[in-house]
Amino acid sequence: MRAALASELEHEVEESGRGRTHGALLAAARTLLLATRGCEAEERSAAHDLLAADALVTYAFEIAAEDPDSLEELAESAMRGLGALAPEESS
C-alpha cells in the first residue's frame, strides 16, 4: 500500500504544488486494482493488493469527509474511475 501510494503522492504534489491526498489515495487504489486484473479470483497473490486497494479507498473517503461538500463529487469520480476497471460480462 505504501509503495503504490508513494508514487501517486509524489506525482500529485509535483502536478499541483499541493497534495490532494484523497485523489492520490484513489489513484493508488486504481493502480493496485489494475495489477490484479490478470489474476484469477482464487489466486492468493491478488488478495493483498485487493485488501490494500480497499483500505486506500476507505482512507480517501475518511479524508474527504473532512469537507462534506466534496463527498458527492468524490463518490461519483471514484465510481466512474474504479467502475471502469470491472471486466465486461459476456452474455
N, C-alpha and C. Protein backbone atom coordinates (compact mmCIF):
# COMPACT_ATOMS: atom_id res chain seq x y z
N MET A 1 0.84 -1.18 0.00
CA MET A 1 0.00 0.00 0.00
C MET A 1 0.89 1.24 0.00
N ARG A 2 1.92 1.21 0.80
CA ARG A 2 2.83 2.37 0.85
C ARG A 2 3.52 2.61 -0.49
N ALA A 3 3.94 1.54 -1.13
CA ALA A 3 4.64 1.69 -2.41
C ALA A 3 3.71 2.28 -3.47
N ALA A 4 2.48 1.81 -3.52
CA ALA A 4 1.53 2.32 -4.51
C ALA A 4 1.21 3.78 -4.23
N LEU A 5 1.10 4.13 -2.98
CA LEU A 5 0.74 5.49 -2.61
C LEU A 5 1.89 6.47 -2.78
N ALA A 6 3.10 6.03 -2.52
CA ALA A 6 4.25 6.93 -2.58
C ALA A 6 4.40 7.59 -3.94
N SER A 7 4.30 6.81 -5.00
CA SER A 7 4.47 7.39 -6.33
C SER A 7 3.30 8.31 -6.68
N GLU A 8 2.10 7.97 -6.26
CA GLU A 8 0.94 8.82 -6.55
C GLU A 8 1.04 10.16 -5.83
N LEU A 9 1.44 10.15 -4.57
CA LEU A 9 1.57 11.40 -3.82
C LEU A 9 2.66 12.28 -4.41
N GLU A 10 3.78 11.67 -4.79
CA GLU A 10 4.86 12.43 -5.39
C GLU A 10 4.40 13.09 -6.68
N HIS A 11 3.71 12.34 -7.54
CA HIS A 11 3.22 12.86 -8.81
C HIS A 11 2.21 13.98 -8.58
N GLU A 12 1.32 13.80 -7.64
CA GLU A 12 0.27 14.79 -7.41
C GLU A 12 0.84 16.10 -6.87
N VAL A 13 1.80 16.01 -5.96
CA VAL A 13 2.40 17.22 -5.41
C VAL A 13 3.16 17.96 -6.50
N GLU A 14 3.85 17.23 -7.38
CA GLU A 14 4.55 17.87 -8.48
C GLU A 14 3.58 18.56 -9.43
N GLU A 15 2.44 17.94 -9.70
CA GLU A 15 1.46 18.49 -10.64
C GLU A 15 0.78 19.73 -10.11
N SER A 16 0.37 19.71 -8.84
CA SER A 16 -0.49 20.77 -8.34
C SER A 16 0.21 21.73 -7.38
N GLY A 17 1.39 21.33 -6.90
CA GLY A 17 2.04 22.17 -5.91
C GLY A 17 1.48 21.97 -4.52
N ARG A 18 0.43 21.22 -4.42
CA ARG A 18 -0.15 20.89 -3.13
C ARG A 18 -0.75 19.50 -3.26
N GLY A 19 -0.81 18.80 -2.18
CA GLY A 19 -1.33 17.44 -2.24
C GLY A 19 -2.83 17.37 -2.02
N ARG A 20 -3.56 16.78 -2.93
CA ARG A 20 -4.97 16.45 -2.72
C ARG A 20 -4.97 14.98 -2.40
N THR A 21 -4.77 14.71 -1.12
CA THR A 21 -4.48 13.35 -0.69
C THR A 21 -5.55 12.35 -1.10
N HIS A 22 -6.83 12.71 -1.03
CA HIS A 22 -7.83 11.70 -1.37
C HIS A 22 -7.75 11.31 -2.84
N GLY A 23 -7.37 12.22 -3.70
CA GLY A 23 -7.17 11.88 -5.11
C GLY A 23 -6.00 10.93 -5.29
N ALA A 24 -4.94 11.15 -4.55
CA ALA A 24 -3.78 10.26 -4.64
C ALA A 24 -4.11 8.88 -4.09
N LEU A 25 -4.90 8.82 -3.04
CA LEU A 25 -5.32 7.54 -2.48
C LEU A 25 -6.14 6.74 -3.50
N LEU A 26 -7.07 7.40 -4.16
CA LEU A 26 -7.89 6.71 -5.17
C LEU A 26 -7.04 6.28 -6.37
N ALA A 27 -6.10 7.11 -6.77
CA ALA A 27 -5.22 6.75 -7.89
C ALA A 27 -4.36 5.53 -7.52
N ALA A 28 -3.88 5.48 -6.30
CA ALA A 28 -3.09 4.33 -5.86
C ALA A 28 -3.95 3.07 -5.81
N ALA A 29 -5.19 3.21 -5.35
CA ALA A 29 -6.11 2.06 -5.33
C ALA A 29 -6.35 1.56 -6.75
N ARG A 30 -6.52 2.47 -7.69
CA ARG A 30 -6.74 2.10 -9.09
C ARG A 30 -5.54 1.34 -9.64
N THR A 31 -4.33 1.80 -9.31
CA THR A 31 -3.11 1.14 -9.74
C THR A 31 -3.06 -0.29 -9.22
N LEU A 32 -3.40 -0.47 -7.95
CA LEU A 32 -3.40 -1.81 -7.37
C LEU A 32 -4.46 -2.70 -8.03
N LEU A 33 -5.62 -2.14 -8.29
CA LEU A 33 -6.67 -2.93 -8.94
C LEU A 33 -6.27 -3.33 -10.35
N LEU A 34 -5.62 -2.43 -11.06
CA LEU A 34 -5.14 -2.77 -12.40
C LEU A 34 -4.16 -3.94 -12.35
N ALA A 35 -3.35 -3.98 -11.30
CA ALA A 35 -2.37 -5.04 -11.17
C ALA A 35 -3.02 -6.40 -10.94
N THR A 36 -4.25 -6.42 -10.47
CA THR A 36 -4.93 -7.69 -10.18
C THR A 36 -5.79 -8.17 -11.34
N ARG A 37 -5.90 -7.40 -12.38
CA ARG A 37 -6.84 -7.75 -13.47
C ARG A 37 -6.54 -9.09 -14.12
N GLY A 38 -5.31 -9.49 -14.23
CA GLY A 38 -4.98 -10.76 -14.87
C GLY A 38 -5.03 -11.95 -13.92
N CYS A 39 -5.27 -11.71 -12.65
CA CYS A 39 -5.28 -12.79 -11.67
C CYS A 39 -6.63 -13.48 -11.62
N GLU A 40 -6.60 -14.74 -11.34
CA GLU A 40 -7.84 -15.49 -11.10
C GLU A 40 -8.33 -15.14 -9.70
N ALA A 41 -9.63 -15.22 -9.50
CA ALA A 41 -10.23 -14.86 -8.22
C ALA A 41 -9.68 -15.69 -7.07
N GLU A 42 -9.25 -16.91 -7.35
CA GLU A 42 -8.77 -17.79 -6.29
C GLU A 42 -7.29 -17.57 -5.95
N GLU A 43 -6.59 -16.79 -6.72
CA GLU A 43 -5.16 -16.60 -6.50
C GLU A 43 -4.91 -15.76 -5.26
N ARG A 44 -4.10 -16.30 -4.38
CA ARG A 44 -3.78 -15.58 -3.15
C ARG A 44 -2.93 -14.34 -3.42
N SER A 45 -2.19 -14.36 -4.50
CA SER A 45 -1.30 -13.23 -4.80
C SER A 45 -2.07 -11.93 -4.96
N ALA A 46 -3.30 -12.01 -5.39
CA ALA A 46 -4.10 -10.80 -5.59
C ALA A 46 -4.73 -10.30 -4.30
N ALA A 47 -4.82 -11.14 -3.30
CA ALA A 47 -5.53 -10.79 -2.07
C ALA A 47 -4.95 -9.55 -1.39
N HIS A 48 -3.65 -9.48 -1.29
CA HIS A 48 -3.04 -8.33 -0.61
C HIS A 48 -3.29 -7.04 -1.37
N ASP A 49 -3.19 -7.10 -2.69
CA ASP A 49 -3.46 -5.91 -3.49
C ASP A 49 -4.92 -5.47 -3.37
N LEU A 50 -5.83 -6.44 -3.36
CA LEU A 50 -7.25 -6.11 -3.23
C LEU A 50 -7.56 -5.50 -1.86
N LEU A 51 -6.97 -6.06 -0.81
CA LEU A 51 -7.17 -5.51 0.53
C LEU A 51 -6.56 -4.12 0.66
N ALA A 52 -5.39 -3.94 0.07
CA ALA A 52 -4.74 -2.63 0.11
C ALA A 52 -5.56 -1.59 -0.66
N ALA A 53 -6.09 -1.97 -1.81
CA ALA A 53 -6.92 -1.05 -2.60
C ALA A 53 -8.17 -0.66 -1.81
N ASP A 54 -8.78 -1.62 -1.15
CA ASP A 54 -9.95 -1.35 -0.32
C ASP A 54 -9.61 -0.35 0.79
N ALA A 55 -8.47 -0.56 1.44
CA ALA A 55 -8.06 0.34 2.51
C ALA A 55 -7.79 1.74 1.97
N LEU A 56 -7.16 1.85 0.81
CA LEU A 56 -6.88 3.16 0.22
C LEU A 56 -8.16 3.92 -0.10
N VAL A 57 -9.16 3.22 -0.63
CA VAL A 57 -10.44 3.87 -0.93
C VAL A 57 -11.11 4.33 0.37
N THR A 58 -11.06 3.49 1.38
CA THR A 58 -11.63 3.86 2.68
C THR A 58 -10.95 5.10 3.24
N TYR A 59 -9.63 5.13 3.20
CA TYR A 59 -8.89 6.30 3.69
C TYR A 59 -9.23 7.55 2.88
N ALA A 60 -9.40 7.40 1.58
CA ALA A 60 -9.74 8.54 0.73
C ALA A 60 -11.06 9.17 1.20
N PHE A 61 -12.03 8.33 1.49
CA PHE A 61 -13.32 8.86 1.93
C PHE A 61 -13.27 9.40 3.35
N GLU A 62 -12.43 8.84 4.19
CA GLU A 62 -12.26 9.40 5.54
C GLU A 62 -11.69 10.81 5.46
N ILE A 63 -10.71 11.00 4.61
CA ILE A 63 -10.10 12.33 4.45
C ILE A 63 -11.11 13.30 3.81
N ALA A 64 -11.81 12.83 2.79
CA ALA A 64 -12.78 13.69 2.11
C ALA A 64 -13.93 14.07 3.03
N ALA A 65 -14.22 13.25 4.01
CA ALA A 65 -15.33 13.54 4.93
C ALA A 65 -15.06 14.81 5.75
N GLU A 66 -13.82 15.23 5.81
CA GLU A 66 -13.50 16.48 6.50
C GLU A 66 -14.08 17.68 5.76
N ASP A 67 -14.39 17.50 4.49
CA ASP A 67 -15.04 18.54 3.68
C ASP A 67 -16.27 17.91 3.04
N PRO A 68 -17.38 17.85 3.78
CA PRO A 68 -18.57 17.14 3.30
C PRO A 68 -19.07 17.60 1.93
N ASP A 69 -18.80 18.84 1.56
CA ASP A 69 -19.24 19.33 0.26
C ASP A 69 -18.55 18.61 -0.90
N SER A 70 -17.40 17.99 -0.63
CA SER A 70 -16.65 17.32 -1.70
C SER A 70 -17.02 15.84 -1.83
N LEU A 71 -17.80 15.31 -0.90
CA LEU A 71 -18.07 13.87 -0.90
C LEU A 71 -18.83 13.39 -2.14
N GLU A 72 -19.84 14.10 -2.55
CA GLU A 72 -20.63 13.65 -3.70
C GLU A 72 -19.77 13.59 -4.96
N GLU A 73 -18.99 14.63 -5.18
CA GLU A 73 -18.11 14.64 -6.36
C GLU A 73 -17.08 13.52 -6.29
N LEU A 74 -16.51 13.31 -5.10
CA LEU A 74 -15.53 12.24 -4.94
C LEU A 74 -16.16 10.87 -5.18
N ALA A 75 -17.35 10.66 -4.66
CA ALA A 75 -18.04 9.37 -4.84
C ALA A 75 -18.31 9.11 -6.32
N GLU A 76 -18.78 10.12 -7.03
CA GLU A 76 -19.05 9.95 -8.46
C GLU A 76 -17.76 9.67 -9.24
N SER A 77 -16.71 10.40 -8.90
CA SER A 77 -15.42 10.20 -9.56
C SER A 77 -14.88 8.81 -9.27
N ALA A 78 -14.98 8.36 -8.03
CA ALA A 78 -14.49 7.04 -7.66
C ALA A 78 -15.29 5.95 -8.37
N MET A 79 -16.60 6.11 -8.44
CA MET A 79 -17.43 5.11 -9.12
C MET A 79 -17.07 5.01 -10.60
N ARG A 80 -16.88 6.17 -11.24
CA ARG A 80 -16.51 6.15 -12.67
C ARG A 80 -15.13 5.52 -12.87
N GLY A 81 -14.17 5.99 -12.10
CA GLY A 81 -12.79 5.54 -12.28
C GLY A 81 -12.57 4.08 -11.91
N LEU A 82 -13.08 3.68 -10.77
CA LEU A 82 -12.89 2.30 -10.33
C LEU A 82 -13.85 1.36 -11.04
N GLY A 83 -15.05 1.83 -11.32
CA GLY A 83 -16.03 1.00 -12.03
C GLY A 83 -15.59 0.67 -13.43
N ALA A 84 -14.82 1.55 -14.04
CA ALA A 84 -14.34 1.30 -15.40
C ALA A 84 -13.37 0.13 -15.45
N LEU A 85 -12.85 -0.26 -14.31
CA LEU A 85 -11.89 -1.38 -14.27
C LEU A 85 -12.59 -2.74 -14.24
N ALA A 86 -13.88 -2.75 -13.98
CA ALA A 86 -14.61 -4.01 -13.89
C ALA A 86 -14.65 -4.69 -15.25
N PRO A 87 -14.42 -5.99 -15.26
CA PRO A 87 -14.48 -6.68 -16.56
C PRO A 87 -15.91 -6.70 -17.09
N GLU A 88 -16.01 -6.63 -18.38
CA GLU A 88 -17.33 -6.67 -19.01
C GLU A 88 -17.86 -8.09 -18.94
N GLU A 89 -19.14 -8.21 -18.62
CA GLU A 89 -19.75 -9.53 -18.56
C GLU A 89 -20.04 -10.02 -19.96
N SER A 90 -19.75 -11.27 -20.20
CA SER A 90 -20.08 -11.84 -21.51
C SER A 90 -21.45 -12.48 -21.43
N SER A 91 -22.23 -12.28 -22.45
CA SER A 91 -23.61 -12.79 -22.46
C SER A 91 -23.67 -14.17 -23.05
